[in-house]
Amino acid sequence: MSIRRAAPIFLALLLLTLTPTLRAEDTVTNPFVGVLLHEITYDRPRPLIIRIAEIDLAEESISFLVTPGNGDPNGDEPGDPNNETTRQTTLEFLNEQNAQLAINASFFSMGTIDTDNIGLVVSRGELVSPFRGTWTAINIDEHNRPTIVKGKEDTYEITSPKTPREELKLYNAVTGSDQIVTDGKPLDNQPDRKFFTTNHPRTAIGITDHNTLLLVTVDGRQPGVSEGIPLNELAQLMIEFGAVQALNLDGGGSTTMAIADPEPRVLNFPSSKDSEGNPGVLRKNGTNLAVFAKPNPDYVHDAAPPVRPDRITAPE
């Protein structure tokens, strides 16, 4: 396959970028044709556990699916918000769709099981949720060509890039809070934004200039194990793995990466808590993104990164 393994230079650059004393280990596996999976652990400047899926968009067996709409249960009420999707954990979505890999995606309202998604959501051509304000989306068309898109409030009208609509079909799209990498450059530091500067669990998606999609989760809120990162460090991580464009997706307790290789399981440790304050609970998210891929016949499950933690529960 044409996808490259993360060369040692990327890891070295990341070490130099974040801090000269940071140490890292990168375990790389190849569970599916066209998919490389990294589990990266750092011990400085703070403990971190990061998972990165590199997906070769030139691999013909790869396809995607965003959570489909539920028929918009609040009916003909104009505009947004509308409760367009029914919340599922990322693992539930993976199992339901018989997918091989999945991550959580867009931000959403937490109040009800049928939820409003913040910004553009499209599922294999089905228009689910319109553009919201300045929030930026990523669209993956039916030929697996990714594009960063912006649009007119409360519509599906694309305003950027200025490409004829027939040349840019909305097919699978999700929205992020911030475009953290633009043309290979990180988003400027914004010290007045606590959301930007706080160490949180994070989920991100990125596009490289060698036709690879990056799906990233960073565990957080686990003192001494994985404490999360601010958005400027997340942007730098995406750049060091080759991203020229990248979005910050819903994070915090929503951050989840699930895999079926072939056993369905959660790779990361969600920070959502149960009624007694114990973390490790899978949140039901408004939107998830699934990846479909062929198993790699040479992949040995025992060589996969160890599953963490022992305790992962469904939401109550």
Protein backbone atom coordinates (compact mmCIF):
# COMPACT_ATOMS: atom_id res chain seq x y z
CA MET A 1 0.00 0.00 0.00
CA SER A 2 1.12 3.56 -0.57
CA ILE A 3 0.60 4.84 2.96
CA ARG A 4 3.89 5.48 4.73
CA ARG A 5 4.85 4.46 8.20
CA ALA A 6 5.52 7.38 10.51
CA ALA A 7 9.21 7.88 9.93
CA PRO A 8 11.48 8.31 12.95
CA ILE A 9 12.04 11.93 11.87
CA PHE A 10 8.41 12.76 12.68
CA LEU A 11 8.75 11.46 16.22
CA ALA A 12 12.06 13.25 16.64
CA LEU A 13 10.57 16.52 15.41
CA LEU A 14 7.66 16.18 17.80
CA LEU A 15 10.02 15.63 20.71
CA LEU A 16 11.95 18.76 19.81
CA THR A 17 8.78 20.76 19.25
CA LEU A 18 7.03 20.07 22.53
CA THR A 19 10.05 19.96 24.85
CA PRO A 20 13.66 18.79 24.64
CA THR A 21 13.15 16.47 27.63
CA LEU A 22 10.00 14.68 26.41
CA ARG A 23 10.28 10.92 25.93
CA ALA A 24 8.05 8.88 23.66
CA GLU A 25 7.34 5.38 22.46
CA ASP A 26 5.45 4.71 19.24
CA THR A 27 3.92 1.25 18.70
CA VAL A 28 2.79 0.89 15.08
CA THR A 29 0.50 -1.84 13.76
CA ASN A 30 -1.18 -2.46 10.41
CA PRO A 31 -4.55 -4.07 11.22
CA PHE A 32 -6.25 -3.30 7.90
CA VAL A 33 -5.20 -2.78 4.31
CA GLY A 34 -4.47 0.93 3.98
CA VAL A 35 -4.55 1.63 7.73
CA LEU A 36 -1.66 2.16 10.13
CA LEU A 37 -2.41 2.50 13.82
CA HIS A 38 -0.07 4.24 16.26
CA GLU A 39 -0.15 4.12 20.03
CA ILE A 40 2.20 6.80 21.32
CA THR A 41 3.06 7.33 24.97
CA TYR A 42 4.88 10.33 26.43
CA ASP A 43 6.14 10.83 29.94
CA ARG A 44 7.12 14.51 29.64
CA PRO A 45 6.14 17.39 29.71
CA ARG A 46 3.19 15.40 31.12
CA PRO A 47 2.00 11.80 30.69
CA LEU A 48 0.09 11.33 27.42
CA ILE A 49 -1.40 8.42 25.50
CA ILE A 50 -2.18 9.22 21.88
CA ARG A 51 -3.65 7.08 19.11
CA ILE A 52 -3.32 8.00 15.46
CA ALA A 53 -4.87 6.14 12.55
CA GLU A 54 -3.24 6.91 9.21
CA ILE A 55 -5.66 6.02 6.41
CA ASP A 56 -4.50 5.71 2.81
CA LEU A 57 -7.19 7.43 0.75
CA ALA A 58 -5.82 5.87 -2.43
CA GLU A 59 -6.67 2.37 -1.15
CA GLU A 60 -9.79 1.38 -3.09
CA SER A 61 -11.17 -0.85 -0.33
CA ILE A 62 -11.40 2.07 2.13
CA SER A 63 -14.76 3.79 2.66
CA PHE A 64 -16.41 5.97 5.30
CA LEU A 65 -19.76 6.60 6.96
CA VAL A 66 -20.94 9.44 9.18
CA THR A 67 -23.85 8.88 11.57
CA PRO A 68 -27.03 9.13 9.46
CA GLY A 69 -30.02 11.30 10.35
CA ASN A 70 -33.00 10.00 12.30
CA GLY A 71 -35.74 11.78 10.36
CA ASP A 72 -35.49 15.01 12.39
CA PRO A 73 -38.00 14.19 15.17
CA ASN A 74 -39.00 17.83 15.80
CA GLY A 75 -40.49 17.92 12.32
CA ASP A 76 -40.75 21.05 10.21
CA GLU A 77 -39.44 23.55 12.73
CA PRO A 78 -37.34 25.93 10.63
CA GLY A 79 -33.60 26.21 10.89
CA ASP A 80 -31.21 24.78 13.42
CA PRO A 81 -31.25 23.46 16.15
CA ASN A 82 -33.06 20.31 15.11
CA ASN A 83 -32.63 16.95 16.77
CA GLU A 84 -31.20 15.31 13.65
CA THR A 85 -29.35 12.25 15.00
CA THR A 86 -29.88 9.70 17.74
CA ARG A 87 -26.93 9.47 20.09
CA GLN A 88 -24.79 6.32 20.16
CA THR A 89 -21.47 5.40 21.68
CA THR A 90 -18.71 5.08 19.13
CA LEU A 91 -18.54 1.36 19.90
CA GLU A 92 -22.29 0.97 19.30
CA PHE A 93 -21.95 2.72 15.95
CA LEU A 94 -18.96 0.56 14.98
CA ASN A 95 -20.92 -2.60 15.81
CA GLU A 96 -24.14 -1.48 14.16
CA GLN A 97 -22.38 -0.63 10.90
CA ASN A 98 -19.95 -3.60 10.96
CA ALA A 99 -17.11 -1.10 10.54
CA GLN A 100 -13.44 -1.71 11.28
CA LEU A 101 -12.55 1.60 12.92
CA ALA A 102 -14.50 4.56 14.31
CA ILE A 103 -14.02 7.81 16.19
CA ASN A 104 -16.39 10.36 17.69
CA ALA A 105 -16.84 13.46 15.57
CA SER A 106 -18.96 16.65 15.76
CA PHE A 107 -19.98 18.60 18.85
CA PHE A 108 -23.61 18.16 19.91
CA SER A 109 -26.22 19.02 22.54
CA MET A 110 -26.17 16.71 25.57
CA GLY A 111 -29.73 17.13 26.82
CA THR A 112 -31.66 14.40 24.99
CA ILE A 113 -31.06 11.12 23.16
CA ASP A 114 -32.15 12.76 19.89
CA THR A 115 -29.68 15.59 19.54
CA ASP A 116 -28.76 18.74 17.67
CA ASN A 117 -25.33 18.64 16.03
CA ILE A 118 -23.29 21.83 15.90
CA GLY A 119 -22.44 22.52 12.29
CA LEU A 120 -22.42 20.58 9.05
CA VAL A 121 -23.13 16.86 9.19
CA VAL A 122 -23.65 14.84 6.01
CA SER A 123 -23.95 11.03 5.80
CA ARG A 124 -23.28 9.50 2.37
CA GLY A 125 -25.04 12.36 0.66
CA GLU A 126 -27.85 12.69 3.22
CA LEU A 127 -27.97 16.27 4.48
CA VAL A 128 -28.29 15.91 8.26
CA SER A 129 -27.24 19.20 9.89
CA PRO A 130 -26.51 22.58 8.21
CA PHE A 131 -23.52 24.89 8.58
CA ARG A 132 -23.34 26.78 11.88
CA GLY A 133 -21.70 30.18 12.11
CA THR A 134 -17.96 30.13 11.50
CA TRP A 135 -17.55 26.46 12.43
CA THR A 136 -15.43 24.63 9.86
CA ALA A 137 -16.18 21.18 8.44
CA ILE A 138 -14.33 18.44 6.58
CA ASN A 139 -16.03 16.70 3.67
CA ILE A 140 -14.93 13.34 2.28
CA ASP A 141 -16.56 12.79 -1.11
CA GLU A 142 -17.59 9.47 -2.61
CA HIS A 143 -14.12 9.12 -4.16
CA ASN A 144 -12.44 9.64 -0.74
CA ARG A 145 -11.25 13.14 -1.62
CA PRO A 146 -11.16 15.28 1.57
CA THR A 147 -11.82 19.02 1.56
CA ILE A 148 -12.08 21.63 4.30
CA VAL A 149 -15.37 23.48 3.79
CA LYS A 150 -17.18 26.47 5.24
CA GLY A 151 -20.71 27.57 4.52
CA LYS A 152 -23.58 29.96 4.98
CA GLU A 153 -25.32 29.85 8.37
CA ASP A 154 -28.24 27.45 8.60
CA THR A 155 -27.85 26.21 5.01
CA TYR A 156 -25.87 23.66 3.02
CA GLU A 157 -24.45 26.40 0.79
CA ILE A 158 -20.65 26.16 0.56
CA THR A 159 -18.84 29.51 0.72
CA SER A 160 -15.28 28.14 0.88
CA PRO A 161 -13.58 26.83 -1.15
CA LYS A 162 -15.10 28.72 -4.05
CA THR A 163 -15.54 25.67 -6.23
CA PRO A 164 -18.52 24.97 -8.52
CA ARG A 165 -21.05 22.94 -6.50
CA GLU A 166 -21.07 20.14 -9.07
CA GLU A 167 -17.32 19.72 -8.47
CA LEU A 168 -17.66 19.52 -4.67
CA LYS A 169 -20.40 17.18 -3.59
CA LEU A 170 -21.19 16.98 0.12
CA TYR A 171 -21.00 13.29 0.91
CA ASN A 172 -19.54 12.47 4.37
CA ALA A 173 -18.99 15.58 6.47
CA VAL A 174 -18.39 16.46 10.14
CA THR A 175 -17.60 19.74 11.87
CA GLY A 176 -14.94 20.92 14.29
CA SER A 177 -14.71 23.82 16.73
CA ASP A 178 -11.43 25.14 15.32
CA GLN A 179 -9.30 24.67 12.24
CA ILE A 180 -6.11 24.01 14.16
CA VAL A 181 -3.90 23.57 11.06
CA THR A 182 -4.30 25.65 7.90
CA ASP A 183 -1.97 25.13 4.95
CA GLY A 184 0.56 23.46 7.22
CA LYS A 185 0.57 26.23 9.84
CA PRO A 186 -0.84 25.89 13.38
CA LEU A 187 -3.63 28.03 14.75
CA ASP A 188 -2.22 31.02 16.60
CA ASN A 189 -2.04 30.60 20.36
CA GLN A 190 -5.09 32.11 22.07
CA PRO A 191 -4.25 32.45 25.78
CA ASP A 192 -7.58 34.17 26.52
CA ARG A 193 -9.52 31.01 25.58
CA LYS A 194 -9.53 28.46 28.38
CA PHE A 195 -10.84 25.81 25.97
CA PHE A 196 -7.73 26.41 23.85
CA THR A 197 -5.13 26.39 26.63
CA THR A 198 -6.44 23.71 29.01
CA ASN A 199 -5.18 20.12 28.91
CA HIS A 200 -8.26 18.20 27.73
CA PRO A 201 -8.90 14.85 26.06
CA ARG A 202 -9.02 15.64 22.34
CA THR A 203 -10.20 14.17 19.05
CA ALA A 204 -8.91 15.54 15.75
CA ILE A 205 -9.01 14.85 12.02
CA GLY A 206 -6.43 15.91 9.47
CA ILE A 207 -5.48 15.82 5.81
CA THR A 208 -1.89 15.31 4.63
CA ASP A 209 -0.36 16.30 1.31
CA HIS A 210 0.27 12.64 0.43
CA ASN A 211 -3.40 11.62 0.35
CA THR A 212 -3.68 10.32 3.88
CA LEU A 213 -6.42 11.00 6.43
CA LEU A 214 -5.38 11.25 10.09
CA LEU A 215 -7.79 10.29 12.88
CA VAL A 216 -6.43 11.17 16.32
CA THR A 217 -7.45 10.72 19.94
CA VAL A 218 -5.57 11.99 22.98
CA ASP A 219 -6.62 10.66 26.38
CA GLY A 220 -6.88 13.10 29.26
CA ARG A 221 -8.07 13.80 32.80
CA GLN A 222 -6.10 10.81 34.08
CA PRO A 223 -3.41 12.17 36.43
CA GLY A 224 -0.13 10.33 36.05
CA VAL A 225 -1.40 8.31 33.06
CA SER A 226 -2.62 10.67 30.32
CA GLU A 227 -3.41 14.26 31.21
CA GLY A 228 -4.57 15.76 27.91
CA ILE A 229 -3.20 18.61 25.78
CA PRO A 230 -4.07 22.17 24.74
CA LEU A 231 -5.02 22.92 21.14
CA ASN A 232 -1.66 24.41 20.17
CA GLU A 233 0.09 21.13 21.07
CA LEU A 234 -2.62 19.16 19.26
CA ALA A 235 -2.00 21.29 16.17
CA GLN A 236 1.73 20.65 16.35
CA LEU A 237 1.14 16.91 16.72
CA MET A 238 -1.01 16.94 13.58
CA ILE A 239 1.64 18.85 11.67
CA GLU A 240 4.40 16.48 12.73
CA PHE A 241 2.37 13.60 11.31
CA GLY A 242 2.06 15.44 8.02
CA ALA A 243 -1.24 17.32 8.33
CA VAL A 244 -1.61 20.37 6.13
CA GLN A 245 -5.22 20.90 7.26
CA ALA A 246 -6.72 19.73 10.56
CA LEU A 247 -9.82 20.26 12.71
CA ASN A 248 -10.41 19.89 16.42
CA LEU A 249 -13.46 17.64 16.84
CA ASP A 250 -15.53 17.07 19.97
CA GLY A 251 -13.27 16.02 22.83
CA GLY A 252 -13.47 15.72 26.59
CA GLY A 253 -15.71 12.85 27.64
CA SER A 254 -16.71 12.25 24.02
CA THR A 255 -13.20 11.29 22.86
CA THR A 256 -13.31 7.66 21.69
CA MET A 257 -11.53 5.44 19.18
CA ALA A 258 -12.95 1.95 18.60
CA ILE A 259 -11.69 -0.92 16.47
CA ALA A 260 -12.84 -4.35 15.31
CA ASP A 261 -9.74 -6.40 14.55
CA PRO A 262 -11.86 -8.53 14.51
CA GLU A 263 -13.12 -8.23 18.11
CA PRO A 264 -14.92 -4.90 18.63
CA ARG A 265 -13.28 -2.94 21.44
CA VAL A 266 -12.41 0.56 22.58
CA LEU A 267 -8.76 1.51 22.20
CA ASN A 268 -8.62 4.56 24.43
CA PHE A 269 -9.82 5.27 27.96
CA PRO A 270 -12.82 7.66 27.87
CA SER A 271 -12.90 10.28 30.60
CA SER A 272 -16.71 10.33 31.01
CA LYS A 273 -17.74 9.28 34.52
CA ASP A 274 -20.50 7.20 36.03
CA SER A 275 -22.83 8.37 38.80
CA GLU A 276 -20.16 7.60 41.40
CA GLY A 277 -17.50 9.64 39.63
CA ASN A 278 -15.57 6.73 38.10
CA PRO A 279 -14.14 7.40 34.61
CA GLY A 280 -14.19 4.93 31.75
CA VAL A 281 -17.81 5.37 30.69
CA LEU A 282 -18.60 5.48 26.97
CA ARG A 283 -20.54 8.63 26.11
CA LYS A 284 -23.36 8.48 23.59
CA ASN A 285 -22.21 10.93 20.91
CA GLY A 286 -24.28 12.83 18.40
CA THR A 287 -22.04 11.98 15.46
CA ASN A 288 -19.43 9.29 14.85
CA LEU A 289 -17.24 8.57 11.84
CA ALA A 290 -16.73 4.95 10.73
CA VAL A 291 -14.01 3.50 8.52
CA PHE A 292 -14.50 0.35 6.46
CA ALA A 293 -11.38 -1.56 5.42
CA LYS A 294 -10.19 -5.03 4.51
CA PRO A 295 -8.36 -7.02 7.19
CA ASN A 296 -4.63 -7.27 6.72
CA PRO A 297 -3.90 -11.02 6.39
CA ASP A 298 -0.43 -10.51 7.91
CA TYR A 299 -1.72 -8.70 11.00
CA VAL A 300 -1.26 -10.58 14.26
CA HIS A 301 -3.72 -9.48 16.92
CA ASP A 302 -1.26 -10.27 19.72
CA ALA A 303 1.07 -7.65 18.26
CA ALA A 304 -1.54 -4.93 18.77
CA PRO A 305 -1.04 -2.29 21.47
CA PRO A 306 -2.44 -3.46 24.80
CA VAL A 307 -6.06 -2.60 25.42
CA ARG A 308 -6.62 -0.07 28.18
CA PRO A 309 -8.26 -0.03 30.61
CA ASP A 310 -9.70 -3.15 32.20
CA ARG A 311 -12.88 -1.23 32.91
CA ILE A 312 -14.92 0.27 30.05
CA THR A 313 -18.64 0.53 30.63
CA ALA A 314 -21.63 1.62 28.63
CA PRO A 315 -23.41 4.79 29.74
CA GLU A 316 -26.09 4.44 32.37
